[in-house]
Protein backbone atom coordinates (compact mmCIF):
# COMPACT_ATOMS: atom_id res chain seq x y z
CA UNK A 1 -59.18 -96.84 -84.88
CA UNK A 2 -59.29 -97.65 -88.68
CA UNK A 3 -61.09 -95.44 -91.31
CA UNK A 4 -62.69 -99.57 -92.26
CA UNK A 5 -64.68 -99.83 -88.57
CA UNK A 6 -66.15 -96.59 -89.68
CA UNK A 7 -67.13 -98.31 -92.96
CA UNK A 8 -68.64 -101.07 -92.04
CA UNK A 9 -71.95 -99.75 -90.23
CA UNK A 10 -72.50 -97.33 -93.30
CA UNK A 11 -71.96 -100.29 -95.90
CA UNK A 12 -74.78 -102.19 -93.90
CA UNK A 13 -76.87 -99.60 -93.85
CA UNK A 14 -76.36 -99.18 -97.63
CA UNK A 15 -76.60 -102.84 -97.82
CA UNK A 16 -80.37 -102.86 -96.00
CA UNK A 17 -81.72 -99.78 -97.85
CA UNK A 18 -81.17 -101.70 -101.12
CA UNK A 19 -82.76 -105.17 -100.08
CA UNK A 20 -85.53 -103.03 -98.70
CA UNK A 21 -86.34 -101.12 -101.81
CA UNK A 22 -85.71 -104.56 -103.84
CA UNK A 23 -88.68 -106.06 -101.71
CA UNK A 24 -90.82 -103.09 -102.56
CA UNK A 25 -90.26 -103.41 -106.04
CA UNK A 26 -91.63 -106.71 -106.18
CA UNK A 27 -94.51 -105.77 -103.91
CA UNK A 28 -97.83 -105.87 -106.36
CA UNK A 29 -100.17 -103.49 -106.19
CA UNK A 30 -103.82 -104.16 -106.32
CA UNK A 31 -105.67 -102.84 -109.29
CA UNK A 32 -108.83 -99.92 -108.21
CA UNK A 33 -112.21 -100.80 -109.89
CA UNK A 34 -114.82 -98.68 -110.88
CA UNK A 35 -118.24 -99.70 -110.81
CA UNK A 36 -121.46 -98.31 -112.51
CA UNK A 37 -125.27 -98.92 -111.85
CA UNK A 38 -126.50 -101.74 -114.81
CA UNK A 39 -128.72 -99.71 -117.38
CA UNK A 40 -132.83 -100.90 -117.34
CA UNK A 41 -135.40 -100.21 -118.55
CA UNK A 42 -139.15 -99.31 -117.17
CA UNK A 43 -141.35 -102.38 -117.44
CA UNK A 44 -144.16 -99.68 -118.00
CA UNK A 45 -144.25 -97.70 -121.13
CA UNK A 46 -146.87 -94.72 -121.09
CA UNK A 47 -146.98 -94.29 -124.65
CA UNK A 48 -150.73 -93.66 -124.77
CA UNK A 49 -151.18 -91.59 -121.26
CA UNK A 50 -148.31 -88.94 -121.28
CA UNK A 51 -149.14 -86.02 -119.13
CA UNK A 52 -148.61 -82.64 -120.31
CA UNK A 53 -145.96 -81.43 -117.34
CA UNK A 54 -142.39 -80.82 -115.99
CA UNK A 55 -140.96 -82.78 -113.73
CA UNK A 56 -137.72 -82.38 -112.20
CA UNK A 57 -135.42 -84.62 -110.42
CA UNK A 58 -133.35 -83.21 -107.28
CA UNK A 59 -129.91 -84.73 -106.16
CA UNK A 60 -130.71 -86.54 -103.51
CA UNK A 61 -129.84 -86.70 -99.72
CA UNK A 62 -127.54 -88.65 -98.07
CA UNK A 63 -125.49 -89.52 -95.45
CA UNK A 64 -121.62 -88.89 -95.41
CA UNK A 65 -120.80 -92.58 -96.45
CA UNK A 66 -123.46 -93.16 -98.69
CA UNK A 67 -122.72 -89.39 -100.42
CA UNK A 68 -119.02 -91.49 -101.15
CA UNK A 69 -117.58 -93.59 -104.23
CA UNK A 70 -116.97 -96.18 -101.50
CA UNK A 71 -119.00 -99.87 -102.12
CA UNK A 72 -120.01 -100.17 -98.28
CA UNK A 73 -120.34 -104.16 -97.07
CA UNK A 74 -122.38 -104.58 -93.93
CA UNK A 75 -121.38 -108.78 -92.00
CA UNK A 76 -124.71 -109.78 -91.08
CA UNK A 77 -123.32 -111.40 -87.26
CA UNK A 78 -122.47 -107.14 -86.98
CA UNK A 79 -125.26 -105.65 -88.52
CA UNK A 80 -124.49 -101.70 -86.97
CA UNK A 81 -121.06 -101.56 -88.82
CA UNK A 82 -120.27 -100.73 -92.55
CA UNK A 83 -117.06 -101.69 -93.96
CA UNK A 84 -115.96 -99.77 -97.25
CA UNK A 85 -114.58 -102.54 -99.89
CA UNK A 86 -110.44 -100.94 -100.70
CA UNK A 87 -110.14 -100.31 -104.47
CA UNK A 88 -113.51 -101.15 -105.28
CA UNK A 89 -115.71 -97.59 -106.31
CA UNK A 90 -118.51 -96.42 -107.81
CA UNK A 91 -117.61 -93.86 -110.69
CA UNK A 92 -119.92 -91.47 -108.93
CA UNK A 93 -121.18 -91.50 -105.59
CA UNK A 94 -124.36 -93.59 -104.83
CA UNK A 95 -126.83 -90.24 -104.57
CA UNK A 96 -126.19 -88.81 -107.82
CA UNK A 97 -125.99 -92.50 -110.11
CA UNK A 98 -129.67 -92.99 -108.73
CA UNK A 99 -130.54 -89.79 -109.61
CA UNK A 100 -129.15 -89.86 -113.14
CA UNK A 101 -130.62 -93.11 -113.46
CA UNK A 102 -134.31 -92.36 -111.82
CA UNK A 103 -133.94 -89.31 -114.46
CA UNK A 104 -133.61 -91.90 -117.68
CA UNK A 105 -135.60 -94.32 -116.44
CA UNK A 106 -138.37 -91.77 -116.02
CA UNK A 107 -137.55 -90.24 -119.64
CA UNK A 108 -137.84 -93.46 -120.77
CA UNK A 109 -141.39 -94.22 -119.35
CA UNK A 110 -143.01 -91.44 -121.11
CA UNK A 111 -145.08 -91.07 -117.98
CA UNK A 112 -144.73 -87.23 -118.46
CA UNK A 113 -143.60 -85.06 -120.90
CA UNK A 114 -140.81 -83.29 -119.90
CA UNK A 115 -138.21 -84.75 -117.38
CA UNK A 116 -135.22 -82.10 -116.36
CA UNK A 117 -132.51 -82.70 -114.08
CA UNK A 118 -133.78 -79.77 -110.78
CA UNK A 119 -132.11 -76.28 -111.50
CA UNK A 120 -133.29 -73.40 -108.72
CA UNK A 121 -133.98 -71.02 -111.82
CA UNK A 122 -135.85 -73.47 -114.04
CA UNK A 123 -139.82 -72.92 -114.53
CA UNK A 124 -141.14 -76.79 -113.46
CA UNK A 125 -144.50 -78.06 -112.51
CA UNK A 126 -143.64 -80.70 -110.04
CA UNK A 127 -140.65 -81.94 -108.56
CA UNK A 128 -138.64 -85.43 -106.75
CA UNK A 129 -137.00 -85.53 -103.78
CA UNK A 130 -135.00 -87.94 -102.24
CA UNK A 131 -133.33 -89.70 -99.43
CA UNK A 132 -130.97 -92.71 -98.89
CA UNK A 133 -131.03 -94.59 -96.53
CA UNK A 134 -129.65 -97.72 -97.30
CA UNK A 135 -127.28 -98.84 -100.13
CA UNK A 136 -124.50 -101.49 -99.28
CA UNK A 137 -124.06 -104.96 -99.70
CA UNK A 138 -125.11 -107.56 -97.22
CA UNK A 139 -122.46 -110.35 -96.18
CA UNK A 140 -124.29 -113.36 -95.06
CA UNK A 141 -123.72 -117.32 -93.69
CA UNK A 142 -126.20 -118.32 -96.22
CA UNK A 143 -124.55 -116.07 -98.88
CA UNK A 144 -124.37 -112.19 -100.64
CA UNK A 145 -127.71 -109.92 -100.12
CA UNK A 146 -127.95 -106.22 -101.35
CA UNK A 147 -130.20 -103.44 -99.74
CA UNK A 148 -131.05 -100.78 -100.64
CA UNK A 149 -133.63 -98.11 -98.80
CA UNK A 150 -134.97 -95.23 -100.95
CA UNK A 151 -137.34 -92.62 -99.76
CA UNK A 152 -138.59 -90.92 -102.51
CA UNK A 153 -140.97 -87.01 -102.36
CA UNK A 154 -142.88 -85.94 -105.03
CA UNK A 155 -144.12 -82.17 -104.75
CA UNK A 156 -145.82 -79.54 -106.70
CA UNK A 157 -147.55 -76.09 -105.75
CA UNK A 158 -150.30 -77.84 -104.40
CA UNK A 159 -149.86 -78.99 -100.82
CA UNK A 160 -152.92 -81.98 -101.18
CA UNK A 161 -150.48 -83.01 -104.05
CA UNK A 162 -147.16 -83.69 -101.89
CA UNK A 163 -146.15 -87.24 -100.59
CA UNK A 164 -143.21 -88.75 -99.56
CA UNK A 165 -142.81 -93.21 -99.27
CA UNK A 166 -140.52 -95.32 -98.52
CA UNK A 167 -139.23 -97.68 -100.64
CA UNK A 168 -137.11 -101.12 -99.79
CA UNK A 169 -136.05 -103.68 -101.36
CA UNK A 170 -133.43 -106.57 -100.30
CA UNK A 171 -132.01 -108.82 -103.08
CA UNK A 172 -130.18 -112.87 -103.13
CA UNK A 173 -126.92 -112.13 -104.66
CA UNK A 174 -126.00 -115.47 -107.38
CA UNK A 175 -122.78 -115.71 -106.27
CA UNK A 176 -120.09 -113.80 -104.60
CA UNK A 177 -118.84 -111.85 -107.26
CA UNK A 178 -118.69 -107.64 -106.95
CA UNK A 179 -119.78 -107.80 -110.69
CA UNK A 180 -123.21 -109.58 -109.63
CA UNK A 181 -123.66 -107.31 -106.58
CA UNK A 182 -123.73 -104.40 -108.46
CA UNK A 183 -126.15 -105.91 -111.35
CA UNK A 184 -128.01 -107.05 -108.18
CA UNK A 185 -127.93 -103.32 -107.29
CA UNK A 186 -129.41 -102.48 -110.39
CA UNK A 187 -132.61 -105.46 -110.57
CA UNK A 188 -133.70 -103.88 -106.41
CA UNK A 189 -133.29 -99.69 -108.07
CA UNK A 190 -135.52 -101.29 -111.13
CA UNK A 191 -137.92 -102.82 -109.08
CA UNK A 192 -138.21 -99.49 -106.72
CA UNK A 193 -138.58 -97.72 -109.89
CA UNK A 194 -141.51 -99.53 -110.85
CA UNK A 195 -143.53 -99.29 -108.15
CA UNK A 196 -142.66 -95.25 -107.40
CA UNK A 197 -143.76 -94.44 -110.83
CA UNK A 198 -146.71 -96.68 -110.72
CA UNK A 199 -147.44 -94.28 -107.50
CA UNK A 200 -146.82 -91.08 -109.42
CA UNK A 201 -148.92 -92.49 -111.94
CA UNK A 202 -152.05 -91.84 -108.81
CA UNK A 203 -150.78 -88.56 -108.03
CA UNK A 204 -150.36 -87.36 -111.19
CA UNK A 205 -153.93 -87.86 -112.43
């Protein structure tokens, strides 16, 4: 058999690989997008009612999915299924972002004299723990919503001053962009924090 008959299959294979590589080179990979929570100020500032105490904000607890950086969404017609967006992520996990946001919020409110991140070796008077139950974008036939369900717990050395409460907020979003959704998460958290700090003031006074 002539040598050229052996060379034809190899040549065709080489052409096929070259064409596939060219197609792959023209495929645009979507850009990754990273989101942080918006800044917001407390609705009420307690400048004239500062309580002399040290309060620590502990890392929030969550399930596995909410402990990751993926932005989660739910289709309202299948509410038991959680989905994650590809190429859209939080800069940190939501429990970490919310802990930092609550820490900053408490400091800006001036309700207590000293607010710190929880450290087992730190001398503190009281502590705030929390569990993140829901932090999702809800895709509905009528539009987009965000749902935030956050359980917050206050404790100190006096058992009678220990309590926990679940805070839940669902807000409609003005448009379908993810940027508006992130703004909605910030608005929902502000509502929760505003209610929580009023509850906290009652416990501390």
